[in-house]
Amino acid sequence: MSMNPNEPEIPDCPKFLTGEARTEWRRVTKELHALGLIGRVDRMMLSSYCESWAIWREACEAIKRDGVTVV
């Protein structure tokens, strides 16, 4: 599958993504690029996914550390 030559191969990672979200951005964009399934239009959805992933990971770590009871 060939990509549109007018689109960047991998969108720039948004500056607001940090830590785990930025790590996931690098991982998932590399995989999507290898499959020819990424373009500029994907930036918003990918950033939402990566931020959600980071929050989920943080929540899982908090549950492991503190248990499931929330006060």
N, C-alpha and C. Protein backbone atom coordinates (compact mmCIF):
# COMPACT_ATOMS: atom_id res chain seq x y z
N MET A 1 0.84 -1.17 0.00
CA MET A 1 0.00 0.00 0.00
C MET A 1 0.89 1.23 0.00
N SER A 2 0.69 2.16 -0.94
CA SER A 2 1.52 3.35 -0.95
C SER A 2 0.76 4.50 -0.29
N MET A 3 1.51 5.37 0.35
CA MET A 3 0.92 6.50 1.04
C MET A 3 0.90 7.70 0.11
N ASN A 4 0.05 8.67 0.42
CA ASN A 4 -0.02 9.92 -0.30
C ASN A 4 1.32 10.65 -0.10
N PRO A 5 2.03 10.99 -1.16
CA PRO A 5 3.33 11.64 -1.01
C PRO A 5 3.24 13.04 -0.42
N ASN A 6 2.04 13.64 -0.36
CA ASN A 6 1.86 14.97 0.21
C ASN A 6 1.68 14.95 1.72
N GLU A 7 1.56 13.77 2.31
CA GLU A 7 1.39 13.67 3.75
C GLU A 7 2.69 13.22 4.40
N PRO A 8 2.95 13.72 5.62
CA PRO A 8 4.13 13.24 6.32
C PRO A 8 3.97 11.77 6.66
N GLU A 9 5.07 11.06 6.72
CA GLU A 9 4.99 9.63 7.02
C GLU A 9 4.47 9.39 8.42
N ILE A 10 5.00 10.14 9.39
CA ILE A 10 4.55 10.02 10.77
C ILE A 10 4.27 11.42 11.29
N PRO A 11 3.07 11.68 11.81
CA PRO A 11 2.79 13.02 12.34
C PRO A 11 3.72 13.33 13.52
N ASP A 12 4.00 14.60 13.72
CA ASP A 12 4.80 15.02 14.87
C ASP A 12 4.05 14.70 16.16
N CYS A 13 4.79 14.26 17.14
CA CYS A 13 4.21 13.98 18.45
C CYS A 13 3.83 15.31 19.10
N PRO A 14 2.59 15.43 19.59
CA PRO A 14 2.19 16.68 20.26
C PRO A 14 3.08 16.97 21.47
N LYS A 15 3.40 18.23 21.68
CA LYS A 15 4.29 18.62 22.77
C LYS A 15 3.68 18.31 24.14
N PHE A 16 2.35 18.26 24.23
CA PHE A 16 1.72 18.02 25.53
C PHE A 16 1.83 16.56 25.99
N LEU A 17 2.18 15.66 25.10
CA LEU A 17 2.36 14.27 25.52
C LEU A 17 3.72 14.13 26.19
N THR A 18 3.72 13.50 27.35
CA THR A 18 4.96 13.30 28.10
C THR A 18 5.02 11.87 28.61
N GLY A 19 6.18 11.49 29.06
CA GLY A 19 6.36 10.21 29.74
C GLY A 19 5.81 9.02 28.97
N GLU A 20 4.95 8.27 29.64
CA GLU A 20 4.38 7.04 29.08
C GLU A 20 3.60 7.30 27.79
N ALA A 21 2.90 8.43 27.72
CA ALA A 21 2.12 8.76 26.52
C ALA A 21 3.05 8.97 25.32
N ARG A 22 4.16 9.64 25.53
CA ARG A 22 5.13 9.88 24.45
C ARG A 22 5.79 8.57 24.02
N THR A 23 6.07 7.70 24.98
CA THR A 23 6.64 6.39 24.68
C THR A 23 5.68 5.58 23.83
N GLU A 24 4.40 5.60 24.19
CA GLU A 24 3.39 4.86 23.42
C GLU A 24 3.24 5.46 22.03
N TRP A 25 3.32 6.80 21.91
CA TRP A 25 3.26 7.46 20.60
C TRP A 25 4.34 6.90 19.68
N ARG A 26 5.56 6.84 20.18
CA ARG A 26 6.67 6.33 19.36
C ARG A 26 6.43 4.88 18.96
N ARG A 27 5.94 4.07 19.89
CA ARG A 27 5.71 2.66 19.60
C ARG A 27 4.62 2.47 18.55
N VAL A 28 3.47 3.10 18.76
CA VAL A 28 2.33 2.85 17.88
C VAL A 28 2.53 3.49 16.50
N THR A 29 3.14 4.68 16.43
CA THR A 29 3.35 5.29 15.12
C THR A 29 4.34 4.48 14.29
N LYS A 30 5.34 3.90 14.95
CA LYS A 30 6.29 3.04 14.23
C LYS A 30 5.57 1.83 13.62
N GLU A 31 4.70 1.21 14.41
CA GLU A 31 3.94 0.05 13.93
C GLU A 31 3.00 0.43 12.79
N LEU A 32 2.26 1.52 12.95
CA LEU A 32 1.32 1.95 11.91
C LEU A 32 2.06 2.36 10.62
N HIS A 33 3.20 3.00 10.78
CA HIS A 33 3.99 3.39 9.61
C HIS A 33 4.44 2.15 8.84
N ALA A 34 4.89 1.13 9.56
CA ALA A 34 5.34 -0.11 8.91
C ALA A 34 4.22 -0.76 8.10
N LEU A 35 2.99 -0.56 8.55
CA LEU A 35 1.83 -1.12 7.85
C LEU A 35 1.26 -0.17 6.79
N GLY A 36 1.81 1.05 6.71
CA GLY A 36 1.30 2.05 5.77
C GLY A 36 -0.05 2.60 6.17
N LEU A 37 -0.31 2.64 7.47
CA LEU A 37 -1.63 3.02 7.96
C LEU A 37 -1.63 4.29 8.81
N ILE A 38 -0.79 5.24 8.47
CA ILE A 38 -0.73 6.47 9.28
C ILE A 38 -0.62 7.68 8.38
N GLY A 39 -1.22 8.77 8.83
CA GLY A 39 -1.13 10.03 8.10
C GLY A 39 -1.42 11.19 9.03
N ARG A 40 -1.35 12.38 8.50
CA ARG A 40 -1.54 13.60 9.27
C ARG A 40 -2.88 13.63 10.00
N VAL A 41 -3.91 13.12 9.38
CA VAL A 41 -5.24 13.14 9.96
C VAL A 41 -5.34 12.30 11.24
N ASP A 42 -4.42 11.41 11.46
CA ASP A 42 -4.45 10.51 12.62
C ASP A 42 -3.91 11.14 13.90
N ARG A 43 -3.32 12.30 13.82
CA ARG A 43 -2.63 12.90 14.96
C ARG A 43 -3.54 13.06 16.18
N MET A 44 -4.73 13.61 16.01
CA MET A 44 -5.63 13.85 17.14
C MET A 44 -6.06 12.55 17.81
N MET A 45 -6.47 11.58 17.02
CA MET A 45 -6.92 10.32 17.59
C MET A 45 -5.76 9.58 18.27
N LEU A 46 -4.59 9.61 17.66
CA LEU A 46 -3.43 8.96 18.27
C LEU A 46 -3.04 9.63 19.58
N SER A 47 -3.08 10.95 19.62
CA SER A 47 -2.72 11.63 20.86
C SER A 47 -3.73 11.32 21.96
N SER A 48 -5.01 11.24 21.61
CA SER A 48 -6.04 10.87 22.60
C SER A 48 -5.80 9.45 23.11
N TYR A 49 -5.51 8.54 22.20
CA TYR A 49 -5.22 7.16 22.59
C TYR A 49 -4.01 7.09 23.52
N CYS A 50 -2.92 7.77 23.13
CA CYS A 50 -1.68 7.69 23.91
C CYS A 50 -1.86 8.28 25.30
N GLU A 51 -2.58 9.39 25.40
CA GLU A 51 -2.83 9.99 26.72
C GLU A 51 -3.70 9.07 27.56
N SER A 52 -4.71 8.46 26.96
CA SER A 52 -5.56 7.51 27.67
C SER A 52 -4.76 6.30 28.14
N TRP A 53 -3.87 5.83 27.31
CA TRP A 53 -3.00 4.70 27.67
C TRP A 53 -2.17 5.05 28.90
N ALA A 54 -1.58 6.24 28.90
CA ALA A 54 -0.73 6.66 30.02
C ALA A 54 -1.55 6.77 31.31
N ILE A 55 -2.75 7.32 31.23
CA ILE A 55 -3.62 7.43 32.41
C ILE A 55 -4.00 6.05 32.91
N TRP A 56 -4.34 5.15 32.01
CA TRP A 56 -4.71 3.79 32.38
C TRP A 56 -3.55 3.08 33.08
N ARG A 57 -2.35 3.24 32.53
CA ARG A 57 -1.16 2.62 33.15
C ARG A 57 -0.93 3.17 34.55
N GLU A 58 -1.07 4.48 34.70
CA GLU A 58 -0.90 5.11 36.01
C GLU A 58 -1.94 4.58 37.00
N ALA A 59 -3.19 4.44 36.54
CA ALA A 59 -4.24 3.91 37.41
C ALA A 59 -3.95 2.47 37.81
N CYS A 60 -3.48 1.66 36.89
CA CYS A 60 -3.14 0.27 37.21
C CYS A 60 -2.03 0.20 38.25
N GLU A 61 -1.03 1.05 38.11
CA GLU A 61 0.06 1.07 39.09
C GLU A 61 -0.45 1.51 40.46
N ALA A 62 -1.36 2.49 40.50
CA ALA A 62 -1.93 2.95 41.77
C ALA A 62 -2.74 1.84 42.43
N ILE A 63 -3.48 1.07 41.64
CA ILE A 63 -4.26 -0.04 42.19
C ILE A 63 -3.34 -1.12 42.74
N LYS A 64 -2.28 -1.43 42.03
CA LYS A 64 -1.31 -2.41 42.52
C LYS A 64 -0.68 -1.96 43.83
N ARG A 65 -0.38 -0.67 43.90
CA ARG A 65 0.30 -0.11 45.07
C ARG A 65 -0.64 0.08 46.25
N ASP A 66 -1.86 0.61 45.99
CA ASP A 66 -2.76 1.05 47.07
C ASP A 66 -4.01 0.21 47.24
N GLY A 67 -4.26 -0.71 46.29
CA GLY A 67 -5.50 -1.48 46.34
C GLY A 67 -6.61 -0.76 45.60
N VAL A 68 -7.79 -1.37 45.58
CA VAL A 68 -8.90 -0.83 44.79
C VAL A 68 -9.83 0.08 45.57
N THR A 69 -9.66 0.24 46.85
CA THR A 69 -10.54 1.08 47.65
C THR A 69 -10.21 2.55 47.42
N VAL A 70 -11.23 3.33 47.12
CA VAL A 70 -11.08 4.76 46.92
C VAL A 70 -11.87 5.47 48.00
N VAL A 71 -11.22 6.39 48.68
CA VAL A 71 -11.87 7.12 49.78
C VAL A 71 -12.32 8.48 49.28
